[in-house]
Amino acid sequence: MFQVASHHPASFNQGTRNHHYPTQAPAPATSLQLPRQLDRPPVSDIPRDVIAAANPELANVPAEYIRRGLGPKAPDMLAGIQALSFSHLPKCLPKNRLPDSLAVPFKPGASISQLPTHILAVTSSKSHSDQALIFAVHGVVVASHCAQMRLPPSFPPTSSAVRLPVLHINPPSADAFKILIDYMYNHRLDHVLRVLAPLPPAFLQQLSHNAVLHAFQSRSTVYQLASHVYAHENGDLQSIMRHVSHVKDLWQDMIALGIHLPDLWDTIDLAWKILLGALNLATGNS
């Protein structure tokens, strides 16, 4: 029988910077235990030296103000990433042969001030893959969101190319990091929930933080959303558990990277609560 624990059972490892998944096989569904809630680490501010490493001029500006200022600039920054020559920017590289930097040409007419400043080479601490996923990013975006990530100094671009320093990071899940980097630029909670669980489009449309909080506190809304997930997956326990695993991966990455954003944490809590409800429906009807 599926059970919800009142606290984290010993078999459910909490995320840390050096987290590794258990090596033993998962417990059978009949003895499955999951925590009722996912623990949040203590909130901490982004250290000034982390901001200074990305942009010395912003060293004394609170990260919250930096994030607010970056919001309207996100479309231009994303356009700056798209302006890079992707023939010189591979999607992945061998993690044991990562360069210190990559020189990447950019398209004529691109705004130099909007070009990315760094490359993140992302591997997963729970995977044995020898490949690192490659992300071109703006250092100030990453630094203003991630307390645990110190970026190397950037290089000024030339008239036709930019040299991007490469930083290798090893969070629990490289795939979950894709969700986080998308969120760092657009702050779209609907994008986060859409990849975590199959929820009704009408609920996701223009989803705000207040809507997330209201849904979390409404038993009827949570039940309706859980029922939608259950029906979408035809009551299949393993399919629902895959969504649970995705939420767990994202939760662990947030802890590892030092991401302390209430709206994102509340969204994770809502996804978890919905999926626990879907699991209860699946096990109750099995």
Protein backbone atom coordinates (compact mmCIF):
# COMPACT_ATOMS: atom_id res chain seq x y z
CA MET A 1 0.00 0.00 0.00
CA PHE A 2 1.28 3.49 -0.81
CA GLN A 3 1.95 5.44 2.37
CA VAL A 4 2.68 9.08 3.04
CA ALA A 5 5.20 9.47 5.84
CA SER A 6 4.88 12.29 8.33
CA HIS A 7 8.60 12.90 7.97
CA HIS A 8 11.37 11.84 5.62
CA PRO A 9 11.85 8.07 5.91
CA ALA A 10 15.43 6.87 6.03
CA SER A 11 15.22 5.52 2.48
CA PHE A 12 14.42 8.98 1.08
CA ASN A 13 17.70 10.88 1.02
CA GLN A 14 17.44 14.63 1.33
CA GLY A 15 19.20 16.73 -1.26
CA THR A 16 22.61 18.19 -0.51
CA ARG A 17 25.42 19.59 -2.60
CA ASN A 18 27.01 16.12 -2.75
CA HIS A 19 23.81 14.14 -2.98
CA HIS A 20 23.82 10.73 -4.63
CA TYR A 21 20.80 8.56 -5.21
CA PRO A 22 20.64 5.27 -3.30
CA THR A 23 22.20 2.41 -5.21
CA GLN A 24 19.71 -0.20 -4.05
CA ALA A 25 16.68 -1.08 -6.13
CA PRO A 26 13.53 0.92 -5.34
CA ALA A 27 11.08 -0.60 -2.93
CA PRO A 28 8.04 -2.36 -4.39
CA ALA A 29 4.99 -0.15 -4.86
CA THR A 30 3.16 -2.02 -2.11
CA SER A 31 5.67 -0.75 0.48
CA LEU A 32 6.37 2.64 -1.07
CA GLN A 33 6.83 5.52 1.36
CA LEU A 34 7.24 9.15 0.43
CA PRO A 35 7.41 12.26 2.62
CA ARG A 36 4.26 14.30 2.94
CA GLN A 37 6.29 17.43 2.24
CA LEU A 38 9.70 18.15 0.75
CA ASP A 39 12.06 19.85 3.18
CA ARG A 40 13.29 23.34 2.37
CA PRO A 41 16.82 24.37 3.34
CA PRO A 42 17.29 27.52 5.42
CA VAL A 43 16.96 30.63 3.28
CA SER A 44 20.25 32.38 2.63
CA ASP A 45 21.13 35.46 0.63
CA ILE A 46 23.32 35.27 -2.45
CA PRO A 47 26.86 36.07 -1.20
CA ARG A 48 28.27 39.32 -2.51
CA ASP A 49 31.37 37.61 -3.85
CA VAL A 50 29.20 35.34 -6.01
CA ILE A 51 27.57 38.41 -7.59
CA ALA A 52 30.92 40.21 -7.85
CA ALA A 53 32.45 37.28 -9.73
CA ALA A 54 29.77 37.65 -12.41
CA ASN A 55 29.54 41.44 -12.44
CA PRO A 56 31.75 43.49 -10.08
CA GLU A 57 29.59 46.59 -10.59
CA LEU A 58 26.65 44.80 -8.93
CA ALA A 59 28.55 43.43 -5.93
CA ASN A 60 26.65 45.60 -3.42
CA VAL A 61 23.21 45.25 -5.03
CA PRO A 62 20.84 42.72 -3.39
CA ALA A 63 20.18 39.72 -5.62
CA GLU A 64 16.42 40.32 -5.47
CA TYR A 65 16.84 43.75 -7.06
CA ILE A 66 19.15 42.31 -9.69
CA ARG A 67 16.57 39.67 -10.61
CA ARG A 68 13.83 42.29 -10.86
CA GLY A 69 16.00 44.41 -13.12
CA LEU A 70 16.86 41.46 -15.34
CA GLY A 71 13.24 40.44 -15.89
CA PRO A 72 12.42 42.98 -18.63
CA LYS A 73 15.79 42.25 -20.28
CA ALA A 74 15.21 38.50 -20.55
CA PRO A 75 13.92 38.52 -24.18
CA ASP A 76 16.99 40.48 -25.31
CA MET A 77 19.34 38.19 -23.39
CA LEU A 78 17.70 35.10 -24.90
CA ALA A 79 18.07 36.73 -28.30
CA GLY A 80 21.75 37.19 -27.48
CA ILE A 81 22.09 33.46 -26.88
CA GLN A 82 20.32 32.73 -30.17
CA ALA A 83 22.74 35.09 -31.94
CA LEU A 84 25.63 32.70 -31.29
CA SER A 85 26.84 30.46 -34.10
CA PHE A 86 25.59 27.07 -32.98
CA SER A 87 27.97 25.32 -35.33
CA HIS A 88 30.67 26.42 -32.86
CA LEU A 89 28.59 25.63 -29.78
CA PRO A 90 28.05 21.88 -29.30
CA LYS A 91 25.07 20.59 -27.34
CA CYS A 92 27.36 18.33 -25.32
CA LEU A 93 31.07 17.67 -24.74
CA PRO A 94 33.04 14.86 -23.08
CA LYS A 95 33.21 15.79 -19.41
CA ASN A 96 36.81 14.63 -19.12
CA ARG A 97 37.96 16.90 -21.94
CA LEU A 98 36.23 20.17 -21.24
CA PRO A 99 38.08 23.26 -22.48
CA ASP A 100 38.72 26.24 -20.24
CA SER A 101 36.78 28.40 -22.70
CA LEU A 102 35.06 28.35 -26.08
CA ALA A 103 35.42 31.02 -28.77
CA VAL A 104 32.02 31.35 -30.42
CA PRO A 105 31.25 33.66 -33.37
CA PHE A 106 28.00 35.59 -33.32
CA LYS A 107 25.69 36.74 -36.08
CA PRO A 108 26.23 40.14 -37.70
CA GLY A 109 24.07 42.83 -36.14
CA ALA A 110 23.88 41.11 -32.75
CA SER A 111 23.87 43.40 -29.73
CA ILE A 112 27.21 42.81 -28.03
CA SER A 113 25.84 43.89 -24.64
CA GLN A 114 23.23 41.10 -24.76
CA LEU A 115 25.59 38.24 -25.60
CA PRO A 116 26.06 35.46 -23.03
CA THR A 117 29.17 35.55 -20.89
CA HIS A 118 29.72 31.94 -19.78
CA ILE A 119 29.28 28.29 -20.65
CA LEU A 120 27.92 25.85 -18.08
CA ALA A 121 28.95 22.25 -18.71
CA VAL A 122 26.41 20.27 -16.72
CA THR A 123 26.73 16.65 -15.66
CA SER A 124 24.61 14.64 -13.24
CA SER A 125 26.05 13.31 -9.99
CA LYS A 126 23.71 10.31 -10.25
CA SER A 127 24.63 9.42 -13.83
CA HIS A 128 27.64 7.59 -15.30
CA SER A 129 27.37 9.41 -18.62
CA ASP A 130 30.67 10.79 -19.94
CA GLN A 131 28.90 13.71 -21.63
CA ALA A 132 28.28 17.19 -20.25
CA LEU A 133 25.32 19.23 -21.47
CA ILE A 134 26.39 22.66 -22.71
CA PHE A 135 24.46 25.85 -21.85
CA ALA A 136 25.42 29.36 -22.91
CA VAL A 137 24.30 31.70 -20.13
CA HIS A 138 24.60 35.21 -18.79
CA GLY A 139 26.69 35.10 -15.65
CA VAL A 140 24.66 37.72 -13.83
CA VAL A 141 21.46 35.70 -14.35
CA VAL A 142 22.97 32.56 -12.87
CA ALA A 143 24.77 34.36 -10.03
CA SER A 144 21.62 36.22 -8.94
CA HIS A 145 19.75 32.93 -8.57
CA CYS A 146 22.35 30.40 -7.35
CA ALA A 147 24.10 30.95 -4.02
CA GLN A 148 26.36 27.94 -4.53
CA MET A 149 27.75 28.75 -7.98
CA ARG A 150 30.87 30.90 -8.35
CA LEU A 151 31.60 31.84 -11.96
CA PRO A 152 35.06 32.46 -13.44
CA PRO A 153 35.88 35.91 -14.87
CA SER A 154 34.38 36.63 -18.29
CA PHE A 155 36.12 37.98 -21.39
CA PRO A 156 35.16 41.06 -23.41
CA PRO A 157 33.80 40.14 -26.85
CA THR A 158 35.54 41.06 -30.08
CA SER A 159 33.75 42.48 -33.11
CA SER A 160 32.73 39.02 -34.35
CA ALA A 161 33.15 36.46 -31.57
CA VAL A 162 32.94 36.04 -27.82
CA ARG A 163 35.15 33.84 -25.67
CA LEU A 164 33.03 32.10 -23.05
CA PRO A 165 34.73 30.60 -19.96
CA VAL A 166 33.53 27.07 -19.22
CA LEU A 167 32.38 26.10 -15.72
CA HIS A 168 31.69 22.42 -15.01
CA ILE A 169 28.89 21.84 -12.51
CA ASN A 170 27.61 18.51 -11.23
CA PRO A 171 24.10 18.80 -9.72
CA PRO A 172 22.04 15.69 -8.99
CA SER A 173 20.17 15.97 -12.31
CA ALA A 174 21.36 17.60 -15.53
CA ASP A 175 17.87 17.23 -17.00
CA ALA A 176 16.27 19.06 -14.08
CA PHE A 177 18.81 21.84 -14.54
CA LYS A 178 17.22 22.56 -17.93
CA ILE A 179 14.01 23.47 -16.10
CA LEU A 180 15.91 25.75 -13.73
CA ILE A 181 17.87 27.62 -16.38
CA ASP A 182 14.63 28.25 -18.26
CA TYR A 183 13.06 29.57 -15.07
CA MET A 184 16.02 31.84 -14.31
CA TYR A 185 15.35 33.72 -17.53
CA ASN A 186 11.57 33.79 -17.80
CA HIS A 187 10.26 33.14 -14.26
CA ARG A 188 7.29 31.27 -15.73
CA LEU A 189 5.77 29.01 -13.09
CA ASP A 190 3.47 27.47 -15.70
CA HIS A 191 6.55 26.29 -17.61
CA VAL A 192 7.84 24.58 -14.47
CA LEU A 193 4.58 22.80 -13.67
CA ARG A 194 4.02 21.82 -17.30
CA VAL A 195 7.17 19.69 -17.36
CA LEU A 196 6.58 18.22 -13.91
CA ALA A 197 3.03 16.92 -14.30
CA PRO A 198 0.30 16.62 -16.95
CA LEU A 199 -2.03 19.34 -15.68
CA PRO A 200 -5.01 21.00 -17.40
CA PRO A 201 -3.98 23.81 -19.79
CA ALA A 202 -6.69 26.04 -18.33
CA PHE A 203 -5.07 25.80 -14.89
CA LEU A 204 -1.59 26.54 -16.22
CA GLN A 205 -2.63 29.55 -18.28
CA GLN A 206 -1.08 32.73 -16.88
CA LEU A 207 -0.28 30.93 -13.62
CA SER A 208 0.79 33.35 -10.88
CA HIS A 209 2.42 32.77 -7.52
CA ASN A 210 -0.87 33.69 -5.81
CA ALA A 211 -2.69 31.10 -7.91
CA VAL A 212 -0.14 28.47 -6.85
CA LEU A 213 -0.65 29.34 -3.18
CA HIS A 214 -4.44 29.31 -3.53
CA ALA A 215 -4.37 25.91 -5.25
CA PHE A 216 -2.07 24.46 -2.60
CA GLN A 217 -4.45 25.55 0.17
CA SER A 218 -7.59 24.29 -1.61
CA ARG A 219 -8.38 20.63 -0.99
CA SER A 220 -10.89 20.54 -3.82
CA THR A 221 -8.44 22.04 -6.32
CA VAL A 222 -5.67 19.64 -5.35
CA TYR A 223 -8.10 16.72 -5.66
CA GLN A 224 -9.27 17.87 -9.09
CA LEU A 225 -5.68 18.25 -10.32
CA ALA A 226 -4.65 14.92 -8.83
CA SER A 227 -7.63 13.28 -10.52
CA HIS A 228 -6.57 14.83 -13.82
CA VAL A 229 -3.07 13.39 -13.49
CA TYR A 230 -4.50 10.00 -12.51
CA ALA A 231 -6.81 9.96 -15.53
CA HIS A 232 -4.13 11.23 -17.91
CA GLU A 233 -1.85 8.34 -16.89
CA ASN A 234 -4.74 5.83 -16.92
CA GLY A 235 -4.10 5.13 -13.26
CA ASP A 236 -0.69 3.62 -13.99
CA LEU A 237 1.42 3.77 -10.84
CA GLN A 238 4.78 3.67 -12.60
CA SER A 239 3.84 6.52 -14.92
CA ILE A 240 2.85 8.69 -11.97
CA MET A 241 6.04 7.73 -10.15
CA ARG A 242 8.07 9.05 -13.09
CA HIS A 243 6.55 12.47 -12.47
CA VAL A 244 7.34 12.12 -8.76
CA SER A 245 10.95 11.39 -9.70
CA HIS A 246 11.11 14.54 -11.84
CA VAL A 247 9.92 16.68 -8.93
CA LYS A 248 12.46 15.03 -6.64
CA ASP A 249 15.25 15.73 -9.15
CA LEU A 250 14.30 19.39 -9.38
CA TRP A 251 14.08 19.70 -5.59
CA GLN A 252 17.56 18.22 -5.19
CA ASP A 253 19.04 20.50 -7.86
CA MET A 254 17.57 23.57 -6.15
CA ILE A 255 19.20 22.59 -2.87
CA ALA A 256 22.52 21.78 -4.53
CA LEU A 257 22.66 25.11 -6.38
CA GLY A 258 21.41 27.22 -3.48
CA ILE A 259 18.22 28.46 -5.12
CA HIS A 260 15.99 30.13 -2.51
CA LEU A 261 13.02 31.59 -4.38
CA PRO A 262 9.66 31.31 -2.58
CA ASP A 263 7.54 31.22 -5.76
CA LEU A 264 9.57 28.33 -7.18
CA TRP A 265 9.59 26.42 -3.90
CA ASP A 266 5.83 26.87 -3.53
CA THR A 267 5.36 25.54 -7.07
CA ILE A 268 7.44 22.46 -6.23
CA ASP A 269 5.31 21.93 -3.12
CA LEU A 270 2.13 22.11 -5.18
CA ALA A 271 3.41 19.63 -7.76
CA TRP A 272 4.41 17.24 -4.98
CA LYS A 273 1.03 17.50 -3.25
CA ILE A 274 -0.83 16.88 -6.52
CA LEU A 275 1.29 13.84 -7.36
CA LEU A 276 0.88 12.35 -3.90
CA GLY A 277 -2.87 12.65 -4.44
CA ALA A 278 -2.60 10.93 -7.82
CA LEU A 279 -0.57 8.13 -6.24
CA ASN A 280 -3.20 7.68 -3.54
CA LEU A 281 -5.86 7.36 -6.25
CA ALA A 282 -3.73 4.84 -8.17
CA THR A 283 -2.98 2.66 -5.17
CA GLY A 284 -6.52 2.91 -3.88
CA ASN A 285 -7.86 1.54 -7.13
CA SER A 286 -5.19 -1.10 -7.73
